[in-house]
N, C-alpha and C. Protein backbone atom coordinates (compact mmCIF):
# COMPACT_ATOMS: atom_id res chain seq x y z
N MET A 1 96.55 112.29 -113.76
CA MET A 1 97.18 113.46 -114.98
C MET A 1 95.80 113.88 -115.43
N LEU A 2 94.78 112.73 -115.74
CA LEU A 2 93.78 113.30 -116.46
C LEU A 2 93.00 114.49 -115.66
N ALA A 3 92.79 114.48 -114.34
CA ALA A 3 92.47 115.64 -113.15
C ALA A 3 92.82 116.33 -113.08
N LEU A 4 94.40 116.52 -113.51
CA LEU A 4 95.21 117.56 -113.44
C LEU A 4 94.96 118.51 -114.74
N GLN A 5 95.01 117.60 -116.04
CA GLN A 5 94.20 118.69 -116.89
C GLN A 5 92.79 119.19 -117.39
N MET A 6 91.75 118.59 -116.50
CA MET A 6 91.14 118.85 -116.29
C MET A 6 90.53 120.00 -116.19
N GLN A 7 91.39 120.45 -115.18
CA GLN A 7 91.09 121.62 -113.20
C GLN A 7 90.87 123.01 -114.44
N PRO A 8 92.25 123.52 -114.71
CA PRO A 8 92.88 124.65 -115.40
C PRO A 8 91.44 124.85 -116.82
N GLN A 9 90.50 123.92 -117.55
CA GLN A 9 89.88 124.20 -118.28
C GLN A 9 88.25 124.09 -117.59
N PHE A 10 88.47 123.68 -116.85
CA PHE A 10 87.52 124.02 -115.54
C PHE A 10 86.71 125.18 -115.07
N ASN A 11 88.34 125.63 -114.54
CA ASN A 11 87.73 126.79 -113.86
C ASN A 11 88.38 128.23 -115.06
N ALA A 12 88.78 127.82 -116.30
CA ALA A 12 88.00 129.07 -117.30
C ALA A 12 86.86 129.13 -117.37
N GLN A 13 86.21 128.27 -117.82
CA GLN A 13 84.94 128.15 -117.95
C GLN A 13 83.83 129.07 -117.22
N GLU A 14 84.76 128.58 -115.89
CA GLU A 14 83.93 128.84 -114.55
C GLU A 14 83.52 130.59 -114.68
N ALA A 15 85.32 130.92 -114.67
CA ALA A 15 85.67 132.31 -114.92
C ALA A 15 84.87 133.25 -116.06
N ARG A 16 84.99 132.68 -117.20
CA ARG A 16 83.82 133.89 -118.66
C ARG A 16 82.55 133.19 -117.91
N TYR A 17 81.77 132.04 -117.23
CA TYR A 17 80.43 132.04 -117.23
C TYR A 17 80.40 133.59 -115.95
N SER A 18 81.44 133.85 -114.70
CA SER A 18 81.22 134.37 -113.76
C SER A 18 81.25 136.13 -114.45
N ASP A 19 82.42 136.21 -115.65
CA ASP A 19 82.27 137.38 -116.07
C ASP A 19 80.97 137.95 -116.58
N CYS A 20 80.41 136.41 -117.84
CA CYS A 20 78.96 137.05 -118.44
C CYS A 20 78.11 137.26 -117.77
N ILE A 21 77.82 137.00 -115.86
CA ILE A 21 76.60 137.14 -114.96
C ILE A 21 77.17 138.55 -114.96
N ALA A 22 78.42 139.45 -114.12
CA ALA A 22 79.07 140.17 -114.45
C ALA A 22 78.67 141.84 -115.11
N ALA A 23 78.35 140.92 -116.41
CA ALA A 23 78.84 141.90 -117.47
C ALA A 23 76.72 142.15 -117.85
N SER A 24 76.19 141.22 -117.96
CA SER A 24 74.96 141.35 -117.76
C SER A 24 73.89 142.76 -116.67
N VAL A 25 74.65 142.10 -115.30
CA VAL A 25 74.34 142.92 -113.96
C VAL A 25 74.45 144.32 -113.95
N ILE A 26 75.94 144.97 -115.19
CA ILE A 26 76.74 146.02 -115.24
C ILE A 26 76.01 146.57 -116.50
N VAL A 27 74.83 146.19 -117.60
CA VAL A 27 73.99 146.35 -118.19
C VAL A 27 72.78 146.65 -117.97
N ILE A 28 72.20 145.66 -116.94
CA ILE A 28 71.13 146.24 -116.65
C ILE A 28 71.00 147.06 -115.76
N LEU A 29 72.28 147.57 -115.25
CA LEU A 29 72.18 149.04 -113.88
C LEU A 29 72.79 149.67 -114.87
N ILE A 30 72.98 149.71 -115.96
CA ILE A 30 73.44 151.33 -116.97
C ILE A 30 71.37 151.31 -117.62
N LEU A 31 71.58 150.27 -118.06
CA LEU A 31 69.75 150.60 -118.88
C LEU A 31 69.00 151.01 -117.83
N SER A 32 68.93 150.29 -116.57
CA SER A 32 67.45 151.06 -115.50
C SER A 32 68.37 152.48 -115.29
N GLY A 33 69.47 152.82 -115.03
CA GLY A 33 70.03 154.04 -115.02
C GLY A 33 69.28 155.18 -115.45
N LEU A 34 69.93 154.78 -117.38
CA LEU A 34 69.10 155.53 -118.31
C LEU A 34 67.51 155.54 -118.54
N VAL A 35 66.78 155.07 -117.69
CA VAL A 35 65.92 154.73 -117.99
C VAL A 35 64.87 156.19 -116.45
N LEU A 36 65.55 155.65 -115.67
CA LEU A 36 65.61 156.99 -114.17
C LEU A 36 65.81 158.12 -114.94
N LEU A 37 66.69 158.32 -115.36
CA LEU A 37 67.42 160.03 -115.97
C LEU A 37 67.01 160.11 -116.92
N GLY A 38 66.22 159.34 -118.06
CA GLY A 38 65.32 160.08 -119.16
C GLY A 38 64.09 160.64 -118.76
N HIS A 39 63.29 160.03 -117.26
CA HIS A 39 62.08 160.27 -116.58
C HIS A 39 62.19 161.27 -116.25
N PHE A 40 63.50 161.53 -115.37
CA PHE A 40 63.51 162.79 -114.62
C PHE A 40 63.90 164.13 -115.18
N ILE A 41 64.64 163.95 -116.46
CA ILE A 41 64.75 165.12 -117.77
C ILE A 41 64.17 165.50 -118.33
N SER A 42 62.47 164.12 -118.40
CA SER A 42 60.99 164.86 -119.67
C SER A 42 60.45 165.24 -118.24
N ASP A 43 60.35 164.66 -117.50
CA ASP A 43 59.53 165.41 -116.05
C ASP A 43 59.92 165.46 -114.59
N PRO A 44 60.98 166.67 -114.27
CA PRO A 44 62.32 166.29 -113.43
C PRO A 44 61.38 166.58 -111.75
N ILE A 45 60.17 166.81 -112.36
CA ILE A 45 59.33 167.39 -110.63
C ILE A 45 57.86 166.59 -110.57
N ASN A 46 57.78 165.75 -111.59
CA ASN A 46 56.06 164.51 -111.70
C ASN A 46 56.62 164.04 -110.41
N GLU A 47 56.00 164.58 -109.20
CA GLU A 47 55.51 162.96 -108.24
C GLU A 47 56.73 162.98 -107.56
N MET A 48 56.95 164.58 -107.16
CA MET A 48 58.48 165.26 -106.10
C MET A 48 57.51 165.90 -105.04
N SER A 49 56.51 166.58 -104.86
CA SER A 49 55.65 166.76 -104.15
C SER A 49 54.28 166.68 -104.03
N SER A 50 54.26 166.78 -102.83
CA SER A 50 52.37 166.52 -102.64
C SER A 50 51.69 167.62 -101.45
N TYR A 51 50.64 168.22 -101.65
CA TYR A 51 49.59 168.93 -101.60
C TYR A 51 48.64 168.84 -100.76
N THR A 52 48.07 168.68 -99.67
CA THR A 52 47.23 168.39 -99.02
C THR A 52 46.70 168.99 -98.31
N VAL A 53 44.76 169.35 -98.24
CA VAL A 53 44.65 170.69 -97.15
C VAL A 53 44.33 170.17 -96.17
N THR A 54 44.58 170.51 -94.75
CA THR A 54 44.56 169.79 -93.79
C THR A 54 43.63 170.32 -92.90
N SER A 55 43.43 171.35 -93.24
CA SER A 55 42.53 172.28 -92.30
C SER A 55 41.50 173.70 -92.94
N ALA A 56 40.05 173.51 -92.74
CA ALA A 56 39.74 174.58 -93.39
C ALA A 56 38.84 175.29 -92.47
N THR A 57 38.35 176.50 -91.88
CA THR A 57 37.56 177.87 -91.29
C THR A 57 37.05 178.78 -92.28
N VAL A 58 35.77 178.22 -91.82
CA VAL A 58 35.34 180.55 -92.68
C VAL A 58 34.51 181.23 -91.74
N ASP A 59 34.38 181.89 -91.14
CA ASP A 59 33.88 182.54 -90.45
C ASP A 59 34.39 184.24 -90.61
N PRO A 60 33.33 184.75 -90.17
CA PRO A 60 32.41 184.92 -90.68
C PRO A 60 31.35 183.86 -92.10
N PHE A 61 30.72 184.10 -92.30
CA PHE A 61 30.07 183.26 -93.68
C PHE A 61 28.77 183.92 -94.01
N ASN A 62 28.29 185.36 -94.60
CA ASN A 62 26.99 185.36 -94.65
C ASN A 62 27.04 186.38 -96.55
N ILE A 63 25.39 185.62 -96.22
CA ILE A 63 25.43 186.16 -97.69
C ILE A 63 23.75 186.72 -97.48
N SER A 64 23.92 187.80 -98.51
CA SER A 64 22.70 188.51 -97.52
C SER A 64 22.21 189.32 -99.25
N SER A 65 21.21 188.70 -99.80
CA SER A 65 20.97 188.95 -101.04
C SER A 65 21.83 188.46 -102.15
N SER A 66 22.73 189.48 -102.42
CA SER A 66 23.80 188.47 -103.33
C SER A 66 24.86 188.84 -103.12
N GLN A 67 25.73 189.68 -101.90
CA GLN A 67 26.02 190.32 -101.10
C GLN A 67 26.98 189.11 -99.77
N LEU A 68 28.24 189.03 -100.64
CA LEU A 68 29.13 187.77 -99.38
C LEU A 68 30.01 188.43 -98.79
N THR A 69 30.06 188.46 -97.68
CA THR A 69 31.45 188.54 -96.54
C THR A 69 31.51 187.79 -96.03
N ALA A 70 32.91 187.21 -95.87
CA ALA A 70 33.26 185.92 -95.60
C ALA A 70 34.73 185.59 -95.41
N ALA A 71 35.57 185.47 -94.66
CA ALA A 71 36.56 184.95 -94.57
C ALA A 71 37.15 183.70 -94.50
N TRP A 72 37.92 183.24 -95.02
CA TRP A 72 39.03 181.97 -94.82
C TRP A 72 40.34 181.29 -94.65
N ASN A 73 40.36 180.68 -93.35
CA ASN A 73 41.51 180.28 -93.27
C ASN A 73 41.97 178.67 -93.72
N ILE A 74 42.90 178.96 -94.46
CA ILE A 74 43.22 177.63 -94.96
C ILE A 74 44.18 176.81 -94.67
N SER A 75 44.65 175.42 -93.92
CA SER A 75 45.96 175.42 -94.10
C SER A 75 46.49 174.50 -94.80
N ILE A 76 47.58 174.47 -95.76
CA ILE A 76 47.87 173.33 -96.95
C ILE A 76 49.45 172.60 -96.69
N TYR A 77 49.25 171.62 -96.33
CA TYR A 77 50.51 170.62 -95.74
C TYR A 77 51.48 170.20 -97.37
N ILE A 78 51.95 170.95 -97.09
CA ILE A 78 53.52 170.36 -98.57
C ILE A 78 54.41 169.56 -98.28
N LYS A 79 54.93 168.58 -98.75
CA LYS A 79 55.51 167.49 -98.68
C LYS A 79 56.98 167.73 -100.17
N ASN A 80 58.12 167.90 -99.68
CA ASN A 80 58.98 168.00 -100.46
C ASN A 80 59.33 166.31 -100.14
N TYR A 81 59.51 165.89 -101.78
CA TYR A 81 60.42 164.42 -101.97
C TYR A 81 61.44 164.59 -102.26
N TYR A 82 61.39 165.98 -103.52
CA TYR A 82 62.80 166.24 -104.29
C TYR A 82 64.39 166.17 -103.14
N THR A 83 65.59 166.14 -103.98
CA THR A 83 66.01 166.11 -103.10
C THR A 83 66.75 167.55 -103.29
N ASP A 84 66.48 168.90 -103.90
CA ASP A 84 66.84 169.89 -103.23
C ASP A 84 65.94 171.05 -102.77
N ASP A 85 65.76 172.10 -102.58
CA ASP A 85 64.88 172.86 -102.11
C ASP A 85 64.49 173.26 -103.20
N MET A 86 62.91 173.38 -102.51
CA MET A 86 62.32 174.09 -103.43
C MET A 86 61.81 175.65 -103.24
N TYR A 87 61.88 176.15 -103.69
CA TYR A 87 61.73 177.62 -103.48
C TYR A 87 60.26 177.98 -103.72
N PHE A 88 59.34 178.93 -103.69
CA PHE A 88 57.80 178.87 -104.06
C PHE A 88 57.91 180.35 -104.33
N ASP A 89 57.53 181.12 -105.05
CA ASP A 89 57.38 182.75 -105.44
C ASP A 89 56.43 183.01 -106.14
N ARG A 90 55.76 184.37 -106.24
CA ARG A 90 54.69 184.87 -107.31
C ARG A 90 53.32 183.47 -106.42
N VAL A 91 53.16 183.21 -105.37
CA VAL A 91 52.24 183.08 -104.51
C VAL A 91 50.92 183.67 -104.82
N LYS A 92 49.89 183.13 -105.19
CA LYS A 92 48.78 183.65 -105.29
C LYS A 92 47.57 182.35 -104.76
N SER A 93 46.92 182.21 -103.43
CA SER A 93 45.93 181.64 -102.84
C SER A 93 44.11 182.08 -103.16
N SER A 94 43.75 180.88 -104.23
CA SER A 94 42.05 181.70 -104.17
C SER A 94 41.09 180.52 -103.83
N ILE A 95 39.83 181.12 -103.44
CA ILE A 95 39.04 179.70 -102.97
C ILE A 95 37.71 179.76 -104.50
N TYR A 96 37.14 179.24 -105.23
CA TYR A 96 36.05 179.45 -105.54
C TYR A 96 35.39 178.44 -105.43
N TYR A 97 33.82 178.47 -105.59
CA TYR A 97 32.75 178.16 -105.49
C TYR A 97 32.07 177.69 -106.98
N GLY A 98 32.48 176.04 -107.32
CA GLY A 98 32.55 176.15 -108.75
C GLY A 98 33.37 176.45 -108.86
N TYR A 99 33.13 177.08 -110.51
CA TYR A 99 33.97 178.18 -111.01
C TYR A 99 33.72 179.43 -110.82
N HIS A 100 33.21 180.03 -109.32
CA HIS A 100 32.92 181.22 -109.39
C HIS A 100 34.24 181.75 -108.32
N LEU A 101 34.80 182.72 -108.47
CA LEU A 101 35.78 182.91 -108.05
C LEU A 101 35.42 184.11 -106.51
N LEU A 102 36.16 183.53 -104.93
CA LEU A 102 35.02 184.36 -104.17
C LEU A 102 35.99 185.13 -103.22
N ALA A 103 37.66 184.72 -103.77
CA ALA A 103 38.14 185.64 -102.89
C ALA A 103 39.02 185.51 -103.37
N GLN A 104 40.79 186.24 -103.24
CA GLN A 104 42.02 185.35 -103.50
C GLN A 104 43.20 186.35 -102.70
N VAL A 105 44.07 185.94 -102.40
CA VAL A 105 45.42 186.71 -101.86
C VAL A 105 46.55 186.12 -102.33
N SER A 106 47.77 187.46 -102.19
CA SER A 106 48.82 187.06 -102.67
C SER A 106 49.39 186.86 -101.86
N MET A 107 50.49 185.69 -101.64
CA MET A 107 51.63 185.16 -100.33
C MET A 107 52.76 185.80 -100.69
N HIS A 108 53.42 185.84 -99.36
CA HIS A 108 54.88 185.93 -99.72
C HIS A 108 55.38 184.55 -99.98
N HIS A 109 57.03 184.84 -100.14
CA HIS A 109 57.25 183.54 -101.36
C HIS A 109 57.90 182.82 -99.93
N PHE A 110 58.59 181.58 -100.24
CA PHE A 110 59.00 180.38 -98.76
C PHE A 110 59.90 179.55 -99.30
N TYR A 111 60.26 178.66 -98.24
CA TYR A 111 61.20 177.14 -98.89
C TYR A 111 60.26 176.32 -98.68
N VAL A 112 60.31 175.31 -99.18
CA VAL A 112 60.51 174.27 -98.54
C VAL A 112 62.00 173.38 -98.40
N LEU A 113 62.06 172.78 -97.47
CA LEU A 113 63.45 172.27 -97.61
C LEU A 113 63.75 170.73 -98.30
N ARG A 114 64.47 170.44 -98.59
CA ARG A 114 64.66 169.02 -99.86
C ARG A 114 64.18 168.36 -98.47
N LEU A 115 63.80 166.94 -99.01
CA LEU A 115 62.93 166.00 -98.45
C LEU A 115 62.32 166.71 -96.95
N GLY A 116 61.84 167.79 -96.86
CA GLY A 116 61.49 168.29 -95.90
C GLY A 116 59.77 168.72 -95.99
N ASP A 117 59.17 169.32 -94.90
CA ASP A 117 58.04 169.86 -94.75
C ASP A 117 57.23 171.03 -94.66
N LYS A 118 56.17 171.28 -95.05
CA LYS A 118 55.65 173.07 -94.46
C LYS A 118 54.15 172.53 -94.57
N THR A 119 53.22 173.55 -93.40
CA THR A 119 52.48 173.69 -93.53
C THR A 119 52.09 175.34 -93.79
N LEU A 120 51.06 175.42 -95.57
CA LEU A 120 50.79 176.98 -95.36
C LEU A 120 49.98 176.90 -94.91
N LYS A 121 49.61 178.47 -94.62
CA LYS A 121 48.06 179.29 -94.25
C LYS A 121 48.03 179.82 -94.36
N ALA A 122 46.80 180.55 -95.26
CA ALA A 122 46.97 181.43 -96.30
C ALA A 122 44.91 181.57 -95.29
N ARG A 123 44.90 182.97 -95.78
CA ARG A 123 43.27 183.85 -95.30
C ARG A 123 43.39 184.52 -96.33
N LEU A 124 41.40 184.47 -96.39
CA LEU A 124 41.32 185.39 -97.57
C LEU A 124 40.30 185.96 -97.04
N MET A 125 39.82 186.84 -97.79
CA MET A 125 38.42 187.63 -97.00
C MET A 125 37.76 188.28 -98.23
N ASN A 126 36.62 188.65 -97.68
CA ASN A 126 35.93 188.97 -99.05
C ASN A 126 34.75 189.82 -98.44
N HIS A 127 34.96 190.92 -98.45
CA HIS A 127 33.80 192.12 -97.92
C HIS A 127 33.15 192.40 -98.20
N SER A 128 31.59 191.95 -98.43
CA SER A 128 30.84 192.28 -99.36
C SER A 128 30.59 192.95 -100.57
N GLU A 129 31.52 191.67 -101.02
CA GLU A 129 31.36 191.75 -102.66
C GLU A 129 30.19 190.92 -102.84
N SER A 130 29.89 191.70 -104.22
CA SER A 130 28.74 191.58 -104.52
C SER A 130 28.93 189.57 -106.23
N LEU A 131 27.81 189.52 -105.47
CA LEU A 131 27.96 187.61 -106.14
C LEU A 131 27.11 187.38 -107.46
N ASP A 132 26.93 186.90 -108.24
CA ASP A 132 26.26 186.90 -109.33
C ASP A 132 24.94 185.83 -108.59
N VAL A 133 23.85 186.55 -108.79
CA VAL A 133 22.68 185.78 -107.88
C VAL A 133 22.02 184.37 -107.94
N ASP A 134 22.71 184.06 -109.28
CA ASP A 134 21.75 182.27 -109.31
C ASP A 134 23.59 181.77 -108.20
N VAL A 135 24.75 182.38 -108.77
CA VAL A 135 25.67 182.15 -107.03
C VAL A 135 25.09 181.98 -106.05
N ALA A 136 24.84 183.24 -105.71
CA ALA A 136 24.25 183.29 -104.19
C ALA A 136 23.51 181.95 -103.46
N LYS A 137 22.56 182.22 -104.66
CA LYS A 137 21.30 181.15 -104.42
C LYS A 137 21.54 179.56 -103.89
N SER A 138 22.45 179.31 -105.11
CA SER A 138 22.91 177.71 -104.66
C SER A 138 23.56 178.14 -103.42
N MET A 139 24.66 178.53 -103.72
CA MET A 139 25.33 178.23 -101.93
C MET A 139 24.42 178.37 -100.65
N VAL A 140 23.34 179.30 -100.99
CA VAL A 140 22.56 179.32 -99.45
C VAL A 140 21.10 177.79 -99.46
N ARG A 141 21.24 177.79 -101.27
CA ARG A 141 21.01 176.39 -101.11
C ARG A 141 21.10 175.05 -99.98
N GLU A 142 22.43 175.36 -101.13
CA GLU A 142 22.78 174.16 -100.40
C GLU A 142 23.61 173.95 -99.20
N ARG A 143 23.50 175.21 -98.46
CA ARG A 143 23.92 175.15 -97.00
C ARG A 143 22.58 174.51 -96.09
N LEU A 144 21.40 175.41 -96.99
CA LEU A 144 19.83 175.09 -96.17
C LEU A 144 19.84 173.30 -96.58
N LEU A 145 20.43 172.93 -97.28
CA LEU A 145 19.84 171.49 -97.89
C LEU A 145 21.03 170.18 -97.19
N HIS A 146 22.18 170.89 -97.04
CA HIS A 146 23.10 169.84 -97.13
C HIS A 146 24.10 170.41 -95.10
N GLY A 147 23.14 171.66 -94.99
CA GLY A 147 24.30 172.74 -93.61
C GLY A 147 25.82 172.19 -93.77
N ALA A 148 26.37 172.09 -95.58
CA ALA A 148 27.47 171.92 -95.60
C ALA A 148 27.43 173.29 -97.37
N VAL A 149 28.86 174.18 -97.55
CA VAL A 149 29.04 174.30 -99.22
C VAL A 149 30.61 173.51 -99.24
N ASP A 150 30.33 172.96 -100.30
CA ASP A 150 31.00 172.60 -101.42
C ASP A 150 32.68 173.60 -102.17
N PHE A 151 34.04 174.15 -101.77
CA PHE A 151 34.82 175.28 -101.98
C PHE A 151 35.49 174.27 -102.82
N ARG A 152 36.32 175.00 -103.78
CA ARG A 152 37.88 174.61 -104.00
C ARG A 152 39.19 175.45 -103.86
N VAL A 153 39.87 174.82 -103.05
CA VAL A 153 41.41 176.04 -102.89
C VAL A 153 42.21 175.59 -103.94
N GLU A 154 42.40 177.31 -104.52
CA GLU A 154 43.55 176.47 -105.95
C GLU A 154 45.08 177.76 -105.18
N LEU A 155 45.63 177.25 -105.50
CA LEU A 155 47.36 177.59 -105.00
C LEU A 155 48.37 177.49 -106.67
N LEU A 156 48.47 179.05 -106.31
CA LEU A 156 49.25 178.87 -107.93
C LEU A 156 50.46 179.48 -107.61
N ALA A 157 51.30 179.00 -108.20
CA ALA A 157 52.98 179.55 -107.40
C ALA A 157 53.82 179.21 -108.39
N ARG A 158 55.36 179.75 -108.74
CA ARG A 158 56.72 179.31 -109.58
C ARG A 158 57.44 178.72 -108.44
N ALA A 159 57.57 177.41 -108.85
CA ALA A 159 59.29 176.91 -107.48
C ALA A 159 59.90 176.71 -108.51
N ASN A 160 61.26 176.64 -108.65
CA ASN A 160 62.52 176.07 -109.34
C ASN A 160 62.64 176.55 -110.34
N GLY A 161 61.77 177.29 -111.12
CA GLY A 161 61.56 178.07 -112.35
C GLY A 161 60.55 177.19 -113.23
N TYR A 162 59.57 176.39 -112.27
CA TYR A 162 58.68 175.56 -112.72
C TYR A 162 57.61 176.01 -112.09
N LYS A 163 55.87 176.56 -113.29
CA LYS A 163 54.50 176.75 -112.75
C LYS A 163 54.07 176.55 -112.11
N TYR A 164 52.79 176.15 -111.23
CA TYR A 164 52.90 175.49 -110.04
C TYR A 164 51.33 175.77 -110.41
N ASN A 165 49.93 174.87 -110.56
CA ASN A 165 49.02 175.50 -110.67
C ASN A 165 48.58 174.46 -109.74
N ILE A 166 48.00 174.03 -108.23
CA ILE A 166 47.69 173.10 -107.09
C ILE A 166 46.60 173.50 -106.95
N SER A 167 45.61 172.97 -106.98
CA SER A 167 43.90 172.24 -106.81
C SER A 167 43.02 171.39 -106.14
N CYS A 168 42.22 171.98 -105.55
CA CYS A 168 42.12 171.48 -103.80
C CYS A 168 40.86 171.26 -103.87
N GLU A 169 40.37 170.21 -104.82
CA GLU A 169 38.79 169.76 -105.02
C GLU A 169 37.40 169.85 -103.51
N ASN A 170 36.56 169.90 -103.39
CA ASN A 170 35.38 169.31 -102.33
C ASN A 170 36.36 169.35 -101.51
N VAL A 171 36.13 170.89 -101.31
CA VAL A 171 36.86 171.08 -99.64
C VAL A 171 35.33 171.52 -98.98
N THR A 172 34.77 170.79 -98.22
CA THR A 172 33.99 171.25 -97.53
C THR A 172 33.70 171.44 -96.38
N VAL A 173 32.61 172.37 -96.41
CA VAL A 173 32.58 173.06 -94.62
C VAL A 173 31.29 173.37 -94.35
N GLY A 174 31.18 172.87 -93.35
CA GLY A 174 29.85 172.29 -92.41
C GLY A 174 29.86 173.70 -91.83
N PHE A 175 28.01 173.96 -91.52
CA PHE A 175 28.17 175.26 -90.19
C PHE A 175 26.89 174.71 -89.45
N PRO A 176 26.33 175.14 -88.53
CA PRO A 176 25.98 174.32 -87.54
C PRO A 176 24.52 175.00 -87.55
N ALA A 177 23.89 174.46 -87.56
CA ALA A 177 21.78 174.99 -88.18
C ALA A 177 21.54 176.19 -86.92
N THR A 178 22.50 176.32 -86.40
CA THR A 178 21.70 177.51 -85.23
C THR A 178 22.30 179.18 -85.46
N HIS A 179 23.29 178.89 -86.38
CA HIS A 179 23.68 180.25 -86.94
C HIS A 179 23.87 180.80 -88.43
N ASP A 180 23.62 181.39 -88.71
CA ASP A 180 22.92 181.89 -89.93
C ASP A 180 24.92 182.66 -90.50
N VAL A 181 25.68 183.12 -90.07
CA VAL A 181 26.72 183.75 -90.46
C VAL A 181 28.38 182.85 -90.63
N GLY A 182 27.87 182.09 -90.16
CA GLY A 182 28.72 180.89 -89.58
C GLY A 182 29.57 181.03 -87.41
N PRO A 183 30.53 179.93 -87.74
CA PRO A 183 31.20 179.32 -87.97
C PRO A 183 31.36 178.17 -88.81
N GLY A 184 32.18 178.41 -89.91
CA GLY A 184 32.25 176.93 -90.33
C GLY A 184 34.19 176.49 -90.68
N VAL A 185 33.66 174.61 -90.90
CA VAL A 185 34.73 174.44 -90.31
C VAL A 185 34.82 173.33 -91.33
N MET A 186 35.98 172.41 -91.58
CA MET A 186 36.06 171.13 -92.79
C MET A 186 35.70 170.39 -92.04
N LEU A 187 34.72 169.49 -92.96
CA LEU A 187 33.96 168.09 -92.66
C LEU A 187 34.88 167.28 -93.76
N GLY A 188 35.00 166.06 -92.93
CA GLY A 188 35.40 164.61 -93.43
C GLY A 188 37.47 164.62 -93.30
N PRO A 189 37.85 164.09 -93.98
CA PRO A 189 39.38 164.10 -93.69
C PRO A 189 39.88 164.99 -94.89
N ARG A 190 41.19 164.76 -94.73
CA ARG A 190 41.86 166.47 -95.16
C ARG A 190 41.68 165.58 -96.55
N ARG A 191 42.14 167.03 -97.68
CA ARG A 191 41.93 166.72 -99.02
C ARG A 191 43.47 167.08 -99.98
N LYS A 192 43.15 165.53 -100.50
CA LYS A 192 44.16 165.89 -101.70
C LYS A 192 43.81 166.16 -102.74
N CYS A 193 45.40 167.56 -102.89
CA CYS A 193 45.46 168.68 -103.72
C CYS A 193 45.57 167.41 -104.92
N ASN A 194 45.12 167.64 -106.50
CA ASN A 194 45.27 167.96 -108.03
C ASN A 194 46.96 168.65 -108.13
N VAL A 195 47.54 168.36 -109.01
CA VAL A 195 48.84 169.42 -109.20
C VAL A 195 48.91 169.69 -111.15
N LEU A 196 49.34 170.46 -110.99
CA LEU A 196 49.69 171.09 -112.64
C LEU A 196 50.98 171.26 -112.40
N VAL A 197 52.52 171.12 -113.03
CA VAL A 197 53.75 171.66 -113.46
C VAL A 197 53.34 171.92 -114.37
N ASP A 198 53.78 173.34 -115.18
CA ASP A 198 54.34 173.25 -116.14
C ASP A 198 52.81 172.41 -117.38
N GLY A 199 51.67 172.06 -117.03
CA GLY A 199 51.05 171.61 -117.63
C GLY A 199 51.02 170.29 -118.26
N LYS A 200 52.01 170.02 -117.08
CA LYS A 200 52.25 168.17 -116.63
C LYS A 200 51.31 167.62 -115.77
N THR A 201 50.83 166.40 -116.12
CA THR A 201 49.37 166.09 -114.67
C THR A 201 50.04 165.21 -113.45
N ASN A 202 50.25 165.61 -112.24
CA ASN A 202 50.71 164.77 -111.30
C ASN A 202 49.24 164.98 -109.78
N THR A 203 48.11 163.69 -110.33
CA THR A 203 47.22 163.81 -109.36
C THR A 203 47.20 162.29 -108.62
N LYS A 204 49.09 161.90 -108.23
CA LYS A 204 48.81 160.69 -107.28
C LYS A 204 49.42 161.46 -106.30
N GLY A 205 51.23 161.69 -105.99
CA GLY A 205 51.75 161.93 -105.59
C GLY A 205 51.51 161.27 -103.99
N TRP A 206 51.69 161.86 -102.86
CA TRP A 206 52.04 160.97 -102.00
C TRP A 206 50.90 161.74 -100.76
N GLY A 207 50.31 161.32 -99.62
CA GLY A 207 49.12 162.01 -98.64
C GLY A 207 49.85 162.42 -97.52
């Protein structure tokens, strides 16, 4: 009889214990969801896309006195980790040597589908444009000493209402010693780009 009387009490305690565990799990899930929601509300695009220079060629590349004649072909691999399509417009690609603009071109709008990717190809040309004398000398010196010149690729765009500033540093282009005017080919591994979205920095992303 005693065993029969204790059994309902034990079952009630067990039920209360199970209810407490279930309630704790629900609270943890709700809090985790709120944290994630707050993260995406405060920074909805952060680390949701990545940008990588996969190839760069320059042909010709001729510096005569303080004038530059050059044509760059740049490939940028874009990966969209976002669950929405990304629509890019107001796209502008630029080539810099240090902080000195060498060439710039406006590009057509384009899409990157959700969880998809795209390789963007840009051709930038400079037809006998005048350079600062010190900049011209620096590029010639760098090419003679190292057989290569470091450039910076920049991509400006608007995507889904956000302003993107994508900067790809240290895009090193090597030139054969037997040619004075090119062609040049990117050296080393592909270059990961830094991203500013409306002033919010993302330097990690995915490779």
